[in-house]
Amino acid sequence: MAHVLIIEDDPSVRDSMELVLRRHGHDVLAAATGEAGLGLLKDKPDLVVLDLMLPGLDGFEVCRRIRAAGPIPVIMLTARGDDFDVVGGLEAGADDYVVKPVTGRVLEARIRAVLRRAEPVTIPADQDDFGDLVIDRAALTVTRKGTRIALPPTELRLLLELSAAPGRVFSRELLLKLVWDHDYLGDSRLVDAAVGRLRAKIEETPGSPRHIQTVRGFGYRFDR
């Protein structure tokens, strides 16, 4: 099972999630504020469940700081699920989101899916050179102009899937299934936000990308 950090200011919600996750065998740490949660990163959690509406340091900033600290997967909790919360949280670096109130079964399923994405992947070929971009599939490393790029698991899987078939157009629905393991009616905003974050890291000019192209009305294509 996993070492999970919950950052949630509502004690009833926090205690409920902690109880459910412990029943599923997870080792759980919990914090009521963003500051306290960031302090617990020293314990190296496998995943963070993060409420966006926190007192003091809000969830958006906490997510950005977690992402800057390393490739720790983040599932954000939002009370509304509206565009501002969801898009803002995804752009801050969250890997997935759930809308409160969330059942223990749903939360556990999302945690398992996110952790699966953090596991080693198997895609044929050891290394691909795309000009200034080099993807080593055996070592799971990405470099641009000789500089190593640190990618969290979701963005790395997205890049591996797209680059494995240059020129192929992937629909958002297919990418949700391949990368997020979403067999239900998933949210394409997950894909769009991850593509935006990925472009910012691997493209020399993210606004005019060389590699990850948008195919209007369909999805995305990786170009050499």
Protein backbone atom coordinates (compact mmCIF):
# COMPACT_ATOMS: atom_id res chain seq x y z
CA MET A 1 0.00 0.00 0.00
CA ALA A 2 0.97 3.66 -0.11
CA HIS A 3 2.28 6.37 2.19
CA VAL A 4 -0.43 9.05 1.77
CA LEU A 5 -0.42 12.64 3.02
CA ILE A 6 -3.83 14.31 3.48
CA ILE A 7 -3.95 18.11 3.69
CA GLU A 8 -7.51 19.11 4.66
CA ASP A 9 -8.66 21.76 7.13
CA ASP A 10 -12.12 20.27 7.90
CA PRO A 11 -11.50 17.86 10.79
CA SER A 12 -14.53 15.67 10.03
CA VAL A 13 -13.54 15.27 6.36
CA ARG A 14 -9.88 14.75 7.27
CA ASP A 15 -10.65 12.13 9.93
CA SER A 16 -13.07 10.31 7.62
CA MET A 17 -10.56 10.09 4.78
CA GLU A 18 -7.80 9.02 7.13
CA LEU A 19 -9.99 6.23 8.55
CA VAL A 20 -11.01 4.98 5.11
CA LEU A 21 -7.47 4.96 3.76
CA ARG A 22 -6.10 3.20 6.83
CA ARG A 23 -8.78 0.53 6.39
CA HIS A 24 -7.43 0.00 2.86
CA GLY A 25 -3.99 -0.56 4.33
CA HIS A 26 -2.40 2.80 3.58
CA ASP A 27 0.02 4.54 5.92
CA VAL A 28 -1.54 7.99 6.44
CA LEU A 29 -0.22 11.36 7.56
CA ALA A 30 -2.65 14.28 7.96
CA ALA A 31 -2.33 18.05 8.23
CA ALA A 32 -4.88 20.82 8.72
CA THR A 33 -2.96 23.61 6.96
CA GLY A 34 -0.84 23.99 3.88
CA GLU A 35 2.17 25.02 5.92
CA ALA A 36 1.91 21.92 8.12
CA GLY A 37 1.43 19.71 5.08
CA LEU A 38 4.52 21.07 3.36
CA GLY A 39 6.47 20.35 6.52
CA LEU A 40 5.45 16.69 6.27
CA LEU A 41 6.98 16.31 2.80
CA LYS A 42 10.18 15.39 4.63
CA ASP A 43 8.51 12.04 5.37
CA LYS A 44 8.47 11.35 1.60
CA PRO A 45 4.79 10.52 0.95
CA ASP A 46 3.96 8.51 -2.17
CA LEU A 47 0.94 10.72 -2.87
CA VAL A 48 -0.76 13.85 -1.53
CA VAL A 49 -4.52 14.37 -1.23
CA LEU A 50 -4.87 18.16 -1.14
CA ASP A 51 -7.86 20.37 -0.42
CA LEU A 52 -7.83 23.58 -2.45
CA MET A 53 -9.73 25.77 0.00
CA LEU A 54 -7.25 25.94 2.88
CA PRO A 55 -6.79 28.73 5.40
CA GLY A 56 -3.61 30.76 5.06
CA LEU A 57 -1.54 29.20 2.29
CA ASP A 58 -4.19 28.03 -0.18
CA GLY A 59 -4.18 24.72 -2.03
CA PHE A 60 -3.08 26.24 -5.33
CA GLU A 61 0.16 27.55 -3.83
CA VAL A 62 0.67 24.37 -1.82
CA CYS A 63 0.32 22.33 -5.01
CA ARG A 64 2.87 24.51 -6.81
CA ARG A 65 5.34 24.06 -3.94
CA ILE A 66 4.80 20.30 -3.84
CA ARG A 67 5.41 20.11 -7.57
CA ALA A 68 8.57 22.21 -7.24
CA ALA A 69 9.81 19.85 -4.52
CA GLY A 70 9.65 16.78 -6.74
CA PRO A 71 7.45 14.40 -8.75
CA ILE A 72 5.00 13.58 -5.95
CA PRO A 73 1.53 12.80 -7.35
CA VAL A 74 -1.24 15.13 -6.15
CA ILE A 75 -5.00 14.53 -6.08
CA MET A 76 -6.81 17.75 -5.34
CA LEU A 77 -10.12 18.04 -3.51
CA THR A 78 -12.56 20.74 -4.54
CA ALA A 79 -15.92 21.58 -3.03
CA ARG A 80 -17.42 22.94 -6.22
CA GLY A 81 -15.80 21.35 -9.23
CA ASP A 82 -16.23 24.54 -11.24
CA ASP A 83 -13.82 25.65 -13.94
CA PHE A 84 -11.89 28.06 -11.71
CA ASP A 85 -11.08 25.43 -9.08
CA VAL A 86 -10.45 22.56 -11.47
CA VAL A 87 -8.43 24.36 -14.12
CA GLY A 88 -6.49 26.37 -11.55
CA GLY A 89 -5.60 23.24 -9.59
CA LEU A 90 -4.58 21.31 -12.69
CA GLU A 91 -2.45 24.18 -13.95
CA ALA A 92 -0.78 24.32 -10.53
CA GLY A 93 0.34 20.74 -11.13
CA ALA A 94 -2.34 18.39 -9.75
CA ASP A 95 -2.51 14.96 -11.40
CA ASP A 96 -6.23 14.41 -10.79
CA TYR A 97 -9.14 15.84 -8.85
CA VAL A 98 -12.28 14.75 -7.01
CA VAL A 99 -15.27 16.83 -5.98
CA LYS A 100 -16.37 16.75 -2.34
CA PRO A 101 -18.19 15.01 -0.82
CA VAL A 102 -16.25 12.00 -2.08
CA THR A 103 -16.90 8.41 -1.06
CA GLY A 104 -14.11 6.24 0.26
CA ARG A 105 -14.51 3.88 -2.69
CA VAL A 106 -14.02 6.66 -5.23
CA LEU A 107 -11.06 8.18 -3.39
CA GLU A 108 -9.36 4.79 -3.10
CA ALA A 109 -9.93 4.11 -6.81
CA ARG A 110 -8.38 7.46 -7.76
CA ILE A 111 -5.41 6.87 -5.49
CA ARG A 112 -4.79 3.44 -7.03
CA ALA A 113 -5.03 4.90 -10.54
CA VAL A 114 -2.59 7.72 -9.79
CA LEU A 115 -0.14 5.33 -8.14
CA ARG A 116 -0.33 2.99 -11.13
CA ARG A 117 0.80 5.89 -13.30
CA ALA A 118 3.82 6.31 -11.04
CA GLU A 119 4.90 2.71 -11.64
CA PRO A 120 7.54 1.87 -14.28
CA VAL A 121 6.17 1.78 -17.81
CA THR A 122 7.05 -0.54 -20.67
CA ILE A 123 7.12 1.02 -24.12
CA PRO A 124 9.28 -0.48 -26.90
CA ALA A 125 12.69 1.06 -27.78
CA ASP A 126 15.28 2.34 -25.36
CA GLN A 127 15.97 5.86 -26.60
CA ASP A 128 14.46 8.29 -29.07
CA ASP A 129 16.20 11.41 -30.35
CA PHE A 130 13.94 14.22 -31.52
CA GLY A 131 16.50 16.90 -32.30
CA ASP A 132 17.09 18.80 -29.09
CA LEU A 133 14.81 16.43 -27.16
CA VAL A 134 16.04 12.98 -26.06
CA ILE A 135 13.74 10.46 -24.39
CA ASP A 136 15.40 7.47 -22.77
CA ARG A 137 12.62 4.94 -22.28
CA ALA A 138 14.76 2.44 -20.41
CA ALA A 139 16.01 4.96 -17.83
CA LEU A 140 12.75 6.99 -17.93
CA THR A 141 14.68 10.23 -18.39
CA VAL A 142 14.09 13.23 -20.63
CA THR A 143 16.71 15.78 -21.65
CA ARG A 144 16.55 18.92 -23.78
CA LYS A 145 19.78 20.32 -25.14
CA GLY A 146 21.64 18.07 -22.73
CA THR A 147 19.79 19.29 -19.65
CA ARG A 148 17.76 16.80 -17.64
CA ILE A 149 14.06 17.64 -17.30
CA ALA A 150 12.27 16.40 -14.17
CA LEU A 151 8.76 15.26 -15.04
CA PRO A 152 6.13 13.97 -12.59
CA PRO A 153 4.65 10.54 -13.46
CA THR A 154 1.55 11.79 -15.28
CA GLU A 155 3.48 14.12 -17.57
CA LEU A 156 6.14 11.49 -18.22
CA ARG A 157 3.53 8.88 -19.19
CA LEU A 158 1.82 11.41 -21.43
CA LEU A 159 5.07 12.19 -23.21
CA LEU A 160 5.94 8.49 -23.57
CA GLU A 161 2.56 7.68 -25.10
CA LEU A 162 2.57 10.60 -27.54
CA SER A 163 6.20 10.21 -28.62
CA ALA A 164 5.91 6.44 -29.13
CA ALA A 165 3.90 7.12 -32.29
CA PRO A 166 5.07 10.36 -33.94
CA GLY A 167 2.51 11.71 -36.37
CA ARG A 168 -0.41 9.84 -34.82
CA VAL A 169 -3.33 11.93 -33.58
CA PHE A 170 -4.45 10.94 -30.09
CA SER A 171 -7.92 11.97 -28.99
CA ARG A 172 -8.33 13.33 -25.48
CA GLU A 173 -10.57 10.36 -24.66
CA LEU A 174 -7.86 7.89 -25.70
CA LEU A 175 -5.21 9.73 -23.71
CA LEU A 176 -7.44 9.63 -20.63
CA LYS A 177 -7.59 5.85 -20.95
CA LEU A 178 -3.89 5.39 -21.73
CA VAL A 179 -2.47 7.80 -19.16
CA TRP A 180 -5.14 8.36 -16.49
CA ASP A 181 -6.79 4.91 -16.59
CA HIS A 182 -10.17 6.61 -16.80
CA ASP A 183 -12.71 4.23 -18.27
CA TYR A 184 -15.63 6.36 -17.18
CA LEU A 185 -16.61 9.69 -18.73
CA GLY A 186 -13.39 11.45 -17.85
CA ASP A 187 -12.65 15.16 -17.91
CA SER A 188 -10.64 16.33 -20.92
CA ARG A 189 -9.34 19.24 -18.84
CA LEU A 190 -6.95 16.76 -17.22
CA VAL A 191 -5.36 16.18 -20.62
CA ASP A 192 -5.27 19.83 -21.67
CA ALA A 193 -3.69 20.96 -18.39
CA ALA A 194 -1.05 18.22 -18.49
CA VAL A 195 -0.19 19.07 -22.10
CA GLY A 196 0.22 22.71 -21.12
CA ARG A 197 2.56 21.82 -18.25
CA LEU A 198 4.51 19.42 -20.45
CA ARG A 199 4.95 21.97 -23.23
CA ALA A 200 6.29 24.49 -20.72
CA LYS A 201 9.06 22.04 -19.84
CA ILE A 202 10.06 20.40 -23.12
CA GLU A 203 9.36 23.06 -25.73
CA GLU A 204 11.77 25.91 -26.42
CA THR A 205 8.78 28.13 -27.26
CA PRO A 206 5.69 26.66 -25.54
CA GLY A 207 3.37 29.07 -27.35
CA SER A 208 4.64 27.79 -30.70
CA PRO A 209 5.46 24.16 -29.90
CA ARG A 210 7.67 22.07 -32.13
CA HIS A 211 6.79 18.66 -30.76
CA ILE A 212 3.32 18.55 -29.17
CA GLN A 213 0.83 19.87 -31.69
CA THR A 214 -2.86 20.56 -31.12
CA VAL A 215 -5.10 19.03 -33.77
CA ARG A 216 -8.17 21.21 -33.50
CA GLY A 217 -11.34 19.27 -32.87
CA PHE A 218 -9.48 15.97 -32.36
CA GLY A 219 -6.66 16.03 -29.82
CA TYR A 220 -2.86 16.06 -29.92
CA ARG A 221 -0.02 14.83 -32.14
CA PHE A 222 3.69 14.47 -31.46
CA ASP A 223 5.99 15.72 -34.25
CA ARG A 224 9.67 15.01 -34.57
